[in-house]
């Protein structure tokens, strides 16, 4: 059994409400690169998380 590494601070359950595909796995995002805004569809699985957010370093 592997230890979870991707700790979502925005639940995937909530992000699915904004899905743009029939499988409810992608949402539309916007990123700013200099003075250009880039719109794209991205996987919910790879958004709203931080690696090892809840790991204790004792």
Protein backbone atom coordinates (compact mmCIF):
# COMPACT_ATOMS: atom_id res chain seq x y z
CA UNK A 1 0.00 0.00 0.00
CA UNK A 2 1.49 3.33 -1.05
CA UNK A 3 1.47 6.48 1.05
CA UNK A 4 -0.66 9.31 -0.43
CA UNK A 5 1.53 12.15 -1.69
CA UNK A 6 -0.96 14.45 -3.46
CA UNK A 7 -2.99 16.12 -0.73
CA UNK A 8 -5.84 18.06 -2.37
CA UNK A 9 -6.71 21.36 -0.69
CA UNK A 10 -9.54 21.73 -3.21
CA UNK A 11 -11.51 18.51 -3.22
CA UNK A 12 -11.83 16.74 -6.56
CA UNK A 13 -15.49 16.27 -5.65
CA UNK A 14 -16.03 20.05 -5.82
CA UNK A 15 -13.93 20.53 -8.96
CA UNK A 16 -16.08 18.01 -10.85
CA UNK A 17 -18.97 20.50 -10.66
CA UNK A 18 -16.99 22.68 -13.12
CA UNK A 19 -16.12 19.86 -15.53
CA UNK A 20 -16.32 20.55 -19.25
CA UNK A 21 -16.21 16.96 -20.52
CA UNK A 22 -18.83 14.18 -20.23
CA UNK A 23 -16.54 12.04 -18.02
CA UNK A 24 -16.26 14.99 -15.56
CA UNK A 25 -12.46 14.74 -15.43
CA UNK A 26 -11.31 18.06 -16.95
CA UNK A 27 -11.89 21.74 -16.22
CA UNK A 28 -10.99 24.87 -18.14
CA UNK A 29 -8.12 26.84 -16.62
CA UNK A 30 -6.36 30.09 -17.43
CA UNK A 31 -2.69 30.89 -16.87
CA UNK A 32 -0.89 34.17 -17.40
CA UNK A 33 2.43 34.18 -19.25
CA UNK A 34 3.72 37.74 -19.34
CA UNK A 35 0.96 39.77 -20.95
CA UNK A 36 -0.70 36.73 -22.55
CA UNK A 37 -3.55 34.69 -21.03
CA UNK A 38 -3.61 31.02 -22.04
CA UNK A 39 -6.82 28.99 -21.70
CA UNK A 40 -6.61 25.20 -21.60
CA UNK A 41 -8.43 22.07 -20.43
CA UNK A 42 -6.60 20.34 -17.58
CA UNK A 43 -7.17 17.16 -15.62
CA UNK A 44 -8.81 17.56 -12.21
CA UNK A 45 -6.44 14.91 -10.86
CA UNK A 46 -3.50 17.30 -11.37
CA UNK A 47 -5.06 20.50 -9.96
CA UNK A 48 -5.67 21.84 -6.47
CA UNK A 49 -3.14 19.75 -4.60
CA UNK A 50 0.20 20.10 -2.87
CA UNK A 51 2.63 17.24 -2.45
CA UNK A 52 3.10 16.16 1.17
CA UNK A 53 0.89 18.94 2.56
CA UNK A 54 -0.12 16.92 5.64
CA UNK A 55 3.23 15.22 6.32
CA UNK A 56 4.72 15.62 9.77
CA UNK A 57 8.49 16.11 9.90
CA UNK A 58 9.03 14.84 13.45
